[in-house]
């Protein structure tokens, strides 16, 4: 019997799920994304699947353009390992009624770990500017972004404030005490923060009565504190509205006191996307003999 480890890239709309894992929400009526993914893999009838492990946890309502898991799949003695392309097609066939899709899969070394081997994680937050209220959000954007009434924000001031987050900084002010222990290491290195209007600022083919504009805020780092991105976005929105200045943000950052949020609130989960998870290619390499074992199977199910 041969046990093979795969790295699976997948995406989902998180609106109808309790989060990536079931225990991420008090609402037991909703399944977690990993619960559904595990059920779909189990329906391929391997002997067993083990160690289904994600690179990033996401809360209820948060989406992913790309997330990853590694999983060990063991088949019966007379069966060869799944070819990665077969794995993708077969799992997607069992996910047709869900908001989850497999993008691609790779055979990886047995020592590979989806979370520990990730060298960068990119997040995207989407704002709909000029949306009078959430219930007037265009249907294609509902639960896909956060609508705010202001049509214009001071982007230059937001970018100035965002620059304060770049580099190795102590983000203790933006931690969640109910989730993060008080002695948690709160320093994180932020590689970049960018704020821009995408070229296709509507992303909608449907007529709508409001001339809203989409604003993207992207973050890149190896790791983050719990809900750190949503807290930072809430601060940047208030800077754009003129309620806070970059100097206020600097004082908040330096205080290392999460009671010093100056009335800002975390942005809602609906606008947040895990955009990408990046690995070093050398960590994905499998010994040539083992790779051929799989590739010879081709698309044989």
C-alpha atoms as a PDB file:
ATOM      1  CA  UNK A   1       0.000   0.000   0.000  1.00  0.00           C
ATOM      2  CA  UNK A   2       1.300   3.399  -0.986  1.00  0.00           C
ATOM      3  CA  UNK A   3       0.392   6.551   0.881  1.00  0.00           C
ATOM      4  CA  UNK A   4       0.808   9.714  -1.187  1.00  0.00           C
ATOM      5  CA  UNK A   5       0.772  13.312   0.008  1.00  0.00           C
ATOM      6  CA  UNK A   6      -0.875  15.916  -2.217  1.00  0.00           C
ATOM      7  CA  UNK A   7      -0.956  19.692  -2.051  1.00  0.00           C
ATOM      8  CA  UNK A   8      -4.392  20.863  -3.188  1.00  0.00           C
ATOM      9  CA  UNK A   9      -5.147  24.446  -4.241  1.00  0.00           C
ATOM     10  CA  UNK A  10      -8.818  25.347  -3.893  1.00  0.00           C
ATOM     11  CA  UNK A  11     -11.173  28.339  -3.730  1.00  0.00           C
ATOM     12  CA  UNK A  12     -14.548  29.063  -2.196  1.00  0.00           C
ATOM     13  CA  UNK A  13     -17.218  31.627  -1.473  1.00  0.00           C
ATOM     14  CA  UNK A  14     -17.450  31.570   2.313  1.00  0.00           C
ATOM     15  CA  UNK A  15     -20.935  33.035   2.790  1.00  0.00           C
ATOM     16  CA  UNK A  16     -22.716  29.760   3.454  1.00  0.00           C
ATOM     17  CA  UNK A  17     -20.014  28.093   5.556  1.00  0.00           C
ATOM     18  CA  UNK A  18     -19.033  28.278   9.205  1.00  0.00           C
ATOM     19  CA  UNK A  19     -15.477  29.058   8.184  1.00  0.00           C
ATOM     20  CA  UNK A  20     -12.741  26.793   6.945  1.00  0.00           C
ATOM     21  CA  UNK A  21     -13.370  24.402   9.844  1.00  0.00           C
ATOM     22  CA  UNK A  22     -16.660  23.622  11.591  1.00  0.00           C
ATOM     23  CA  UNK A  23     -15.399  24.728  14.986  1.00  0.00           C
ATOM     24  CA  UNK A  24     -14.760  28.224  13.615  1.00  0.00           C
ATOM     25  CA  UNK A  25     -18.398  29.187  14.205  1.00  0.00           C
ATOM     26  CA  UNK A  26     -21.050  28.788  16.880  1.00  0.00           C
ATOM     27  CA  UNK A  27     -23.586  28.157  14.129  1.00  0.00           C
ATOM     28  CA  UNK A  28     -23.591  24.352  14.006  1.00  0.00           C
ATOM     29  CA  UNK A  29     -26.162  24.373  11.185  1.00  0.00           C
ATOM     30  CA  UNK A  30     -23.389  25.319   8.746  1.00  0.00           C
ATOM     31  CA  UNK A  31     -20.583  23.030   7.709  1.00  0.00           C
ATOM     32  CA  UNK A  32     -16.972  24.087   7.459  1.00  0.00           C
ATOM     33  CA  UNK A  33     -15.222  24.101   4.100  1.00  0.00           C
ATOM     34  CA  UNK A  34     -12.808  21.363   5.224  1.00  0.00           C
ATOM     35  CA  UNK A  35     -15.705  19.134   6.302  1.00  0.00           C
ATOM     36  CA  UNK A  36     -17.123  19.224   2.782  1.00  0.00           C
ATOM     37  CA  UNK A  37     -13.712  18.823   1.163  1.00  0.00           C
ATOM     38  CA  UNK A  38     -12.932  15.791   3.303  1.00  0.00           C
ATOM     39  CA  UNK A  39     -16.280  14.207   2.433  1.00  0.00           C
ATOM     40  CA  UNK A  40     -15.604  14.729  -1.280  1.00  0.00           C
ATOM     41  CA  UNK A  41     -12.146  13.122  -1.078  1.00  0.00           C
ATOM     42  CA  UNK A  42     -13.537  10.244   0.982  1.00  0.00           C
ATOM     43  CA  UNK A  43     -16.043   9.497  -1.788  1.00  0.00           C
ATOM     44  CA  UNK A  44     -13.126   8.571  -4.042  1.00  0.00           C
ATOM     45  CA  UNK A  45     -13.040   5.421  -1.837  1.00  0.00           C
ATOM     46  CA  UNK A  46      -9.376   5.320  -0.844  1.00  0.00           C
ATOM     47  CA  UNK A  47      -8.503   3.078   2.080  1.00  0.00           C
ATOM     48  CA  UNK A  48      -8.120   6.196   4.149  1.00  0.00           C
ATOM     49  CA  UNK A  49      -7.251   9.863   4.036  1.00  0.00           C
ATOM     50  CA  UNK A  50      -5.147  11.397   6.775  1.00  0.00           C
ATOM     51  CA  UNK A  51      -3.657  14.694   7.875  1.00  0.00           C
ATOM     52  CA  UNK A  52      -5.984  17.035   5.985  1.00  0.00           C
ATOM     53  CA  UNK A  53      -4.200  20.263   6.967  1.00  0.00           C
ATOM     54  CA  UNK A  54      -4.796  23.786   5.702  1.00  0.00           C
ATOM     55  CA  UNK A  55      -2.349  26.617   5.124  1.00  0.00           C
ATOM     56  CA  UNK A  56      -4.716  29.323   6.440  1.00  0.00           C
ATOM     57  CA  UNK A  57      -7.818  29.343   8.596  1.00  0.00           C
ATOM     58  CA  UNK A  58     -10.596  31.681   7.498  1.00  0.00           C
ATOM     59  CA  UNK A  59     -13.627  32.831   9.488  1.00  0.00           C
ATOM     60  CA  UNK A  60     -17.284  32.449   8.582  1.00  0.00           C
ATOM     61  CA  UNK A  61     -18.131  34.642   5.602  1.00  0.00           C
ATOM     62  CA  UNK A  62     -14.515  35.059   4.452  1.00  0.00           C
ATOM     63  CA  UNK A  63     -13.748  33.899   0.899  1.00  0.00           C
ATOM     64  CA  UNK A  64     -10.676  32.431  -0.771  1.00  0.00           C
ATOM     65  CA  UNK A  65      -9.439  32.878  -4.321  1.00  0.00           C
ATOM     66  CA  UNK A  66      -6.696  30.446  -3.354  1.00  0.00           C
ATOM     67  CA  UNK A  67      -6.262  28.393  -0.215  1.00  0.00           C
ATOM     68  CA  UNK A  68      -4.338  25.159   0.173  1.00  0.00           C
ATOM     69  CA  UNK A  69      -4.386  21.888   2.078  1.00  0.00           C
ATOM     70  CA  UNK A  70      -2.099  18.924   2.165  1.00  0.00           C
ATOM     71  CA  UNK A  71      -3.590  15.462   2.540  1.00  0.00           C
ATOM     72  CA  UNK A  72      -2.313  11.890   2.627  1.00  0.00           C
ATOM     73  CA  UNK A  73      -4.280   9.486   0.429  1.00  0.00           C
ATOM     74  CA  UNK A  74      -3.806   5.739   0.758  1.00  0.00           C
ATOM     75  CA  UNK A  75      -5.262   3.403  -1.862  1.00  0.00           C
ATOM     76  CA  UNK A  76      -5.714  -0.355  -2.034  1.00  0.00           C
ATOM     77  CA  UNK A  77      -2.691  -2.600  -2.867  1.00  0.00           C
ATOM     78  CA  UNK A  78      -3.722  -3.158  -6.494  1.00  0.00           C
ATOM     79  CA  UNK A  79      -4.370   0.554  -7.142  1.00  0.00           C
ATOM     80  CA  UNK A  80      -1.782   3.095  -8.124  1.00  0.00           C
ATOM     81  CA  UNK A  81      -1.872   6.596  -6.657  1.00  0.00           C
ATOM     82  CA  UNK A  82      -4.207   9.152  -8.169  1.00  0.00           C
ATOM     83  CA  UNK A  83      -2.737  11.306 -10.906  1.00  0.00           C
ATOM     84  CA  UNK A  84      -3.102  14.949  -9.721  1.00  0.00           C
ATOM     85  CA  UNK A  85      -5.292  15.841 -12.726  1.00  0.00           C
ATOM     86  CA  UNK A  86      -7.589  12.930 -11.965  1.00  0.00           C
ATOM     87  CA  UNK A  87      -7.786  14.004  -8.345  1.00  0.00           C
ATOM     88  CA  UNK A  88      -8.854  17.530  -9.340  1.00  0.00           C
ATOM     89  CA  UNK A  89     -11.544  16.357 -11.765  1.00  0.00           C
ATOM     90  CA  UNK A  90     -12.894  13.684  -9.450  1.00  0.00           C
ATOM     91  CA  UNK A  91     -13.136  15.919  -6.394  1.00  0.00           C
ATOM     92  CA  UNK A  92     -14.724  18.757  -8.387  1.00  0.00           C
ATOM     93  CA  UNK A  93     -17.301  16.313  -9.701  1.00  0.00           C
ATOM     94  CA  UNK A  94     -18.364  15.740  -6.086  1.00  0.00           C
ATOM     95  CA  UNK A  95     -18.366  19.463  -5.270  1.00  0.00           C
ATOM     96  CA  UNK A  96     -20.751  20.556  -8.031  1.00  0.00           C
ATOM     97  CA  UNK A  97     -23.520  21.551  -5.631  1.00  0.00           C
ATOM     98  CA  UNK A  98     -21.176  23.555  -3.380  1.00  0.00           C
ATOM     99  CA  UNK A  99     -19.396  26.921  -3.517  1.00  0.00           C
ATOM    100  CA  UNK A 100     -16.016  25.168  -3.426  1.00  0.00           C
ATOM    101  CA  UNK A 101     -13.761  24.330  -6.372  1.00  0.00           C
ATOM    102  CA  UNK A 102     -10.386  22.637  -6.697  1.00  0.00           C
ATOM    103  CA  UNK A 103      -7.951  24.622  -8.824  1.00  0.00           C
ATOM    104  CA  UNK A 104      -5.028  22.205  -9.073  1.00  0.00           C
ATOM    105  CA  UNK A 105      -3.143  19.527  -7.159  1.00  0.00           C
ATOM    106  CA  UNK A 106       0.497  18.491  -6.847  1.00  0.00           C
ATOM    107  CA  UNK A 107       2.263  15.422  -5.525  1.00  0.00           C
ATOM    108  CA  UNK A 108       4.571  16.680  -2.754  1.00  0.00           C
ATOM    109  CA  UNK A 109       7.139  15.095  -0.428  1.00  0.00           C
ATOM    110  CA  UNK A 110       5.857  13.295   2.648  1.00  0.00           C
ATOM    111  CA  UNK A 111       7.522  15.950   4.806  1.00  0.00           C
ATOM    112  CA  UNK A 112       5.768  18.859   3.089  1.00  0.00           C
ATOM    113  CA  UNK A 113       3.418  20.912   5.297  1.00  0.00           C
ATOM    114  CA  UNK A 114       0.847  23.276   3.780  1.00  0.00           C
ATOM    115  CA  UNK A 115       1.048  25.778   6.636  1.00  0.00           C
ATOM    116  CA  UNK A 116       4.676  25.615   7.718  1.00  0.00           C
ATOM    117  CA  UNK A 117       6.103  25.634   4.180  1.00  0.00           C
ATOM    118  CA  UNK A 118       4.149  28.698   3.026  1.00  0.00           C
ATOM    119  CA  UNK A 119       6.498  31.651   2.511  1.00  0.00           C
ATOM    120  CA  UNK A 120       3.817  34.268   1.807  1.00  0.00           C
ATOM    121  CA  UNK A 121       0.086  34.789   2.134  1.00  0.00           C
ATOM    122  CA  UNK A 122      -1.721  37.544   0.259  1.00  0.00           C
ATOM    123  CA  UNK A 123      -5.096  38.931   1.308  1.00  0.00           C
ATOM    124  CA  UNK A 124      -7.471  41.163  -0.627  1.00  0.00           C
ATOM    125  CA  UNK A 125     -10.199  43.348   0.853  1.00  0.00           C
ATOM    126  CA  UNK A 126     -12.890  44.691  -1.503  1.00  0.00           C
ATOM    127  CA  UNK A 127     -14.831  47.879  -0.782  1.00  0.00           C
ATOM    128  CA  UNK A 128     -17.798  49.174  -2.775  1.00  0.00           C
ATOM    129  CA  UNK A 129     -17.669  52.975  -2.588  1.00  0.00           C
ATOM    130  CA  UNK A 130     -20.879  54.935  -3.090  1.00  0.00           C
ATOM    131  CA  UNK A 131     -23.221  52.181  -1.955  1.00  0.00           C
ATOM    132  CA  UNK A 132     -25.969  53.807   0.181  1.00  0.00           C
ATOM    133  CA  UNK A 133     -26.685  50.643   2.190  1.00  0.00           C
ATOM    134  CA  UNK A 134     -25.925  46.946   2.201  1.00  0.00           C
ATOM    135  CA  UNK A 135     -29.430  46.036   1.008  1.00  0.00           C
ATOM    136  CA  UNK A 136     -28.876  48.168  -2.102  1.00  0.00           C
ATOM    137  CA  UNK A 137     -25.705  46.344  -3.064  1.00  0.00           C
ATOM    138  CA  UNK A 138     -25.843  44.981  -6.651  1.00  0.00           C
ATOM    139  CA  UNK A 139     -26.887  41.362  -6.484  1.00  0.00           C
ATOM    140  CA  UNK A 140     -23.628  40.073  -7.970  1.00  0.00           C
ATOM    141  CA  UNK A 141     -21.680  41.828  -5.213  1.00  0.00           C
ATOM    142  CA  UNK A 142     -23.877  40.945  -2.254  1.00  0.00           C
ATOM    143  CA  UNK A 143     -21.780  39.253   0.441  1.00  0.00           C
ATOM    144  CA  UNK A 144     -18.752  39.672  -1.853  1.00  0.00           C
ATOM    145  CA  UNK A 145     -17.601  43.123  -0.666  1.00  0.00           C
ATOM    146  CA  UNK A 146     -18.260  45.779   1.988  1.00  0.00           C
ATOM    147  CA  UNK A 147     -20.391  48.689   0.820  1.00  0.00           C
ATOM    148  CA  UNK A 148     -19.864  52.150   2.289  1.00  0.00           C
ATOM    149  CA  UNK A 149     -21.803  55.315   1.532  1.00  0.00           C
ATOM    150  CA  UNK A 150     -18.842  57.533   0.675  1.00  0.00           C
ATOM    151  CA  UNK A 151     -18.012  57.628  -3.025  1.00  0.00           C
ATOM    152  CA  UNK A 152     -14.609  59.242  -2.478  1.00  0.00           C
ATOM    153  CA  UNK A 153     -12.055  58.392   0.178  1.00  0.00           C
ATOM    154  CA  UNK A 154      -8.739  60.158   0.667  1.00  0.00           C
ATOM    155  CA  UNK A 155      -6.629  57.461  -0.973  1.00  0.00           C
ATOM    156  CA  UNK A 156      -3.379  59.396  -0.515  1.00  0.00           C
ATOM    157  CA  UNK A 157      -3.889  59.569   3.265  1.00  0.00           C
ATOM    158  CA  UNK A 158      -4.874  55.889   3.342  1.00  0.00           C
ATOM    159  CA  UNK A 159      -1.667  54.991   1.498  1.00  0.00           C
ATOM    160  CA  UNK A 160       0.367  57.121   3.912  1.00  0.00           C
ATOM    161  CA  UNK A 161      -1.187  55.320   6.870  1.00  0.00           C
ATOM    162  CA  UNK A 162      -0.762  51.923   5.198  1.00  0.00           C
ATOM    163  CA  UNK A 163       2.950  52.623   4.827  1.00  0.00           C
ATOM    164  CA  UNK A 164       3.220  52.566   8.617  1.00  0.00           C
ATOM    165  CA  UNK A 165       2.330  48.864   8.608  1.00  0.00           C
ATOM    166  CA  UNK A 166       5.141  47.833   6.257  1.00  0.00           C
ATOM    167  CA  UNK A 167       8.194  46.102   7.707  1.00  0.00           C
ATOM    168  CA  UNK A 168       8.658  44.229  10.977  1.00  0.00           C
ATOM    169  CA  UNK A 169       6.146  45.838  13.348  1.00  0.00           C
ATOM    170  CA  UNK A 170       4.462  44.981  16.621  1.00  0.00           C
ATOM    171  CA  UNK A 171       0.740  44.726  15.856  1.00  0.00           C
ATOM    172  CA  UNK A 172      -0.338  44.186  19.473  1.00  0.00           C
ATOM    173  CA  UNK A 173      -2.873  47.023  19.129  1.00  0.00           C
ATOM    174  CA  UNK A 174      -4.645  45.035  16.422  1.00  0.00           C
ATOM    175  CA  UNK A 175      -4.776  41.672  18.170  1.00  0.00           C
ATOM    176  CA  UNK A 176      -7.934  39.972  19.417  1.00  0.00           C
ATOM    177  CA  UNK A 177      -7.641  39.302  23.157  1.00  0.00           C
ATOM    178  CA  UNK A 178     -10.396  36.690  23.151  1.00  0.00           C
ATOM    179  CA  UNK A 179      -8.443  34.658  20.618  1.00  0.00           C
ATOM    180  CA  UNK A 180      -4.807  35.704  21.099  1.00  0.00           C
ATOM    181  CA  UNK A 181      -3.170  35.167  24.463  1.00  0.00           C
ATOM    182  CA  UNK A 182      -1.807  38.303  26.111  1.00  0.00           C
ATOM    183  CA  UNK A 183       1.756  36.983  25.909  1.00  0.00           C
ATOM    184  CA  UNK A 184       1.452  36.028  22.250  1.00  0.00           C
ATOM    185  CA  UNK A 185       4.302  37.112  20.025  1.00  0.00           C
ATOM    186  CA  UNK A 186       2.637  39.971  18.151  1.00  0.00           C
ATOM    187  CA  UNK A 187       5.401  41.078  15.788  1.00  0.00           C
ATOM    188  CA  UNK A 188       4.740  40.424  12.124  1.00  0.00           C
ATOM    189  CA  UNK A 189       6.613  41.463   8.997  1.00  0.00           C
ATOM    190  CA  UNK A 190       4.310  43.082   6.448  1.00  0.00           C
ATOM    191  CA  UNK A 191       5.872  42.909   2.996  1.00  0.00           C
ATOM    192  CA  UNK A 192       3.481  45.285   1.259  1.00  0.00           C
ATOM    193  CA  UNK A 193       0.111  47.051   1.446  1.00  0.00           C
ATOM    194  CA  UNK A 194      -1.450  48.408  -1.745  1.00  0.00           C
ATOM    195  CA  UNK A 195      -4.641  50.409  -2.265  1.00  0.00           C
ATOM    196  CA  UNK A 196      -6.073  50.860  -5.753  1.00  0.00           C
ATOM    197  CA  UNK A 197      -9.133  50.886  -7.995  1.00  0.00           C
ATOM    198  CA  UNK A 198      -9.103  47.789 -10.251  1.00  0.00           C
ATOM    199  CA  UNK A 199      -9.348  48.359 -14.008  1.00  0.00           C
ATOM    200  CA  UNK A 200     -12.812  46.775 -14.119  1.00  0.00           C
ATOM    201  CA  UNK A 201     -14.215  48.648 -11.147  1.00  0.00           C
ATOM    202  CA  UNK A 202     -17.733  47.222 -11.404  1.00  0.00           C
ATOM    203  CA  UNK A 203     -17.167  43.581 -12.188  1.00  0.00           C
ATOM    204  CA  UNK A 204     -20.883  43.483 -13.013  1.00  0.00           C
ATOM    205  CA  UNK A 205     -22.777  43.046 -16.262  1.00  0.00           C
ATOM    206  CA  UNK A 206     -26.085  43.984 -14.624  1.00  0.00           C
ATOM    207  CA  UNK A 207     -27.580  47.443 -14.587  1.00  0.00           C
ATOM    208  CA  UNK A 208     -27.658  49.035 -11.157  1.00  0.00           C
ATOM    209  CA  UNK A 209     -28.894  52.467 -10.035  1.00  0.00           C
ATOM    210  CA  UNK A 210     -25.760  53.548  -8.152  1.00  0.00           C
ATOM    211  CA  UNK A 211     -22.444  54.493  -9.706  1.00  0.00           C
ATOM    212  CA  UNK A 212     -20.412  52.608  -7.143  1.00  0.00           C
ATOM    213  CA  UNK A 213     -16.663  52.015  -7.412  1.00  0.00           C
ATOM    214  CA  UNK A 214     -14.675  49.044  -6.178  1.00  0.00           C
ATOM    215  CA  UNK A 215     -11.580  49.751  -4.096  1.00  0.00           C
ATOM    216  CA  UNK A 216      -9.033  47.030  -3.402  1.00  0.00           C
ATOM    217  CA  UNK A 217      -6.749  46.876  -0.377  1.00  0.00           C
ATOM    218  CA  UNK A 218      -4.120  44.126  -0.578  1.00  0.00           C
ATOM    219  CA  UNK A 219      -1.792  42.847   2.133  1.00  0.00           C
ATOM    220  CA  UNK A 220       1.215  40.570   1.791  1.00  0.00           C
ATOM    221  CA  UNK A 221       3.005  38.837   4.685  1.00  0.00           C
ATOM    222  CA  UNK A 222       4.009  35.391   5.820  1.00  0.00           C
ATOM    223  CA  UNK A 223       1.590  35.359   8.748  1.00  0.00           C
ATOM    224  CA  UNK A 224      -0.961  37.525  10.530  1.00  0.00           C
ATOM    225  CA  UNK A 225      -2.671  37.869  13.878  1.00  0.00           C
ATOM    226  CA  UNK A 226      -6.267  36.736  14.200  1.00  0.00           C
ATOM    227  CA  UNK A 227      -8.533  39.247  12.384  1.00  0.00           C
ATOM    228  CA  UNK A 228      -5.588  41.598  11.949  1.00  0.00           C
ATOM    229  CA  UNK A 229      -6.472  42.373   8.323  1.00  0.00           C
ATOM    230  CA  UNK A 230     -10.066  43.309   9.116  1.00  0.00           C
ATOM    231  CA  UNK A 231      -8.906  45.590  11.930  1.00  0.00           C
ATOM    232  CA  UNK A 232      -6.339  47.289   9.709  1.00  0.00           C
ATOM    233  CA  UNK A 233      -8.927  47.798   6.974  1.00  0.00           C
ATOM    234  CA  UNK A 234     -11.322  49.367   9.480  1.00  0.00           C
ATOM    235  CA  UNK A 235      -8.585  51.819  10.475  1.00  0.00           C
ATOM    236  CA  UNK A 236      -7.722  52.644   6.854  1.00  0.00           C
ATOM    237  CA  UNK A 237     -11.383  53.307   6.033  1.00  0.00           C
ATOM    238  CA  UNK A 238     -11.567  55.797   8.892  1.00  0.00           C
ATOM    239  CA  UNK A 239      -8.405  57.471   7.622  1.00  0.00           C
ATOM    240  CA  UNK A 240     -10.006  57.742   4.188  1.00  0.00           C
ATOM    241  CA  UNK A 241     -13.108  59.292   5.751  1.00  0.00           C
ATOM    242  CA  UNK A 242     -11.012  61.829   7.661  1.00  0.00           C
ATOM    243  CA  UNK A 243     -11.954  60.453  11.079  1.00  0.00           C
ATOM    244  CA  UNK A 244      -8.334  59.455  11.731  1.00  0.00           C
ATOM    245  CA  UNK A 245      -5.006  60.845  10.548  1.00  0.00           C
ATOM    246  CA  UNK A 246      -1.849  58.894   9.709  1.00  0.00           C
ATOM    247  CA  UNK A 247      -0.414  60.379  12.923  1.00  0.00           C
ATOM    248  CA  UNK A 248      -3.307  58.823  14.859  1.00  0.00           C
ATOM    249  CA  UNK A 249      -2.556  55.464  13.273  1.00  0.00           C
ATOM    250  CA  UNK A 250       1.117  55.736  14.175  1.00  0.00           C
ATOM    251  CA  UNK A 251       0.162  56.484  17.790  1.00  0.00           C
ATOM    252  CA  UNK A 252      -2.167  53.468  17.820  1.00  0.00           C
ATOM    253  CA  UNK A 253       0.584  51.228  16.472  1.00  0.00           C
ATOM    254  CA  UNK A 254       3.139  52.481  18.973  1.00  0.00           C
ATOM    255  CA  UNK A 255       0.784  52.126  21.951  1.00  0.00           C
ATOM    256  CA  UNK A 256       0.621  48.301  21.665  1.00  0.00           C
ATOM    257  CA  UNK A 257      -2.755  48.593  23.414  1.00  0.00           C
ATOM    258  CA  UNK A 258      -5.759  47.048  21.718  1.00  0.00           C
ATOM    259  CA  UNK A 259      -8.099  49.238  23.771  1.00  0.00           C
ATOM    260  CA  UNK A 260      -6.632  52.181  21.850  1.00  0.00           C
ATOM    261  CA  UNK A 261      -8.622  51.585  18.644  1.00  0.00           C
ATOM    262  CA  UNK A 262     -10.166  55.095  18.781  1.00  0.00           C
ATOM    263  CA  UNK A 263     -13.645  53.919  17.949  1.00  0.00           C
ATOM    264  CA  UNK A 264     -12.731  51.998  14.803  1.00  0.00           C
ATOM    265  CA  UNK A 265     -14.386  48.656  14.144  1.00  0.00           C
ATOM    266  CA  UNK A 266     -13.113  45.653  12.210  1.00  0.00           C
ATOM    267  CA  UNK A 267     -14.343  45.572   8.630  1.00  0.00           C
ATOM    268  CA  UNK A 268     -16.942  42.834   7.941  1.00  0.00           C
ATOM    269  CA  UNK A 269     -15.898  39.367   6.835  1.00  0.00           C
ATOM    270  CA  UNK A 270     -17.811  39.616   3.539  1.00  0.00           C
ATOM    271  CA  UNK A 271     -15.173  41.798   1.850  1.00  0.00           C
ATOM    272  CA  UNK A 272     -12.153  39.670   2.769  1.00  0.00           C
ATOM    273  CA  UNK A 273     -10.480  37.182   0.419  1.00  0.00           C
ATOM    274  CA  UNK A 274      -7.443  34.989   0.903  1.00  0.00           C
ATOM    275  CA  UNK A 275      -5.930  35.800  -2.465  1.00  0.00           C
ATOM    276  CA  UNK A 276      -2.895  33.533  -2.698  1.00  0.00           C
ATOM    277  CA  UNK A 277      -0.566  31.207  -0.799  1.00  0.00           C
ATOM    278  CA  UNK A 278       3.012  31.110  -2.082  1.00  0.00           C
ATOM    279  CA  UNK A 279       5.569  28.294  -1.731  1.00  0.00           C
ATOM    280  CA  UNK A 280       9.186  27.823  -2.678  1.00  0.00           C
ATOM    281  CA  UNK A 281       9.244  25.542  -5.723  1.00  0.00           C
ATOM    282  CA  UNK A 282      12.052  23.446  -4.254  1.00  0.00           C
ATOM    283  CA  UNK A 283       9.776  22.427  -1.367  1.00  0.00           C
ATOM    284  CA  UNK A 284       7.271  20.972  -3.836  1.00  0.00           C
ATOM    285  CA  UNK A 285       9.738  18.658  -5.586  1.00  0.00           C
ATOM    286  CA  UNK A 286       9.286  14.903  -5.284  1.00  0.00           C
ATOM    287  CA  UNK A 287      11.983  12.324  -6.070  1.00  0.00           C
ATOM    288  CA  UNK A 288      11.874  11.467  -9.760  1.00  0.00           C
ATOM    289  CA  UNK A 289      11.137   7.768  -9.200  1.00  0.00           C
ATOM    290  CA  UNK A 290       8.143   8.527  -7.019  1.00  0.00           C
ATOM    291  CA  UNK A 291       6.860  11.183  -9.454  1.00  0.00           C
ATOM    292  CA  UNK A 292       6.937   8.709 -12.361  1.00  0.00           C
ATOM    293  CA  UNK A 293       4.968   6.206 -10.265  1.00  0.00           C
ATOM    294  CA  UNK A 294       2.091   8.656 -10.257  1.00  0.00           C
ATOM    295  CA  UNK A 295       2.448  10.134 -13.738  1.00  0.00           C
ATOM    296  CA  UNK A 296       2.382   6.734 -15.423  1.00  0.00           C
ATOM    297  CA  UNK A 297      -1.205   6.346 -14.256  1.00  0.00           C
ATOM    298  CA  UNK A 298      -2.234   9.249 -16.506  1.00  0.00           C
ATOM    299  CA  UNK A 299      -5.971   9.856 -16.299  1.00  0.00           C
ATOM    300  CA  UNK A 300      -6.796   6.273 -15.376  1.00  0.00           C
ATOM    301  CA  UNK A 301      -9.386   6.379 -12.629  1.00  0.00           C
END
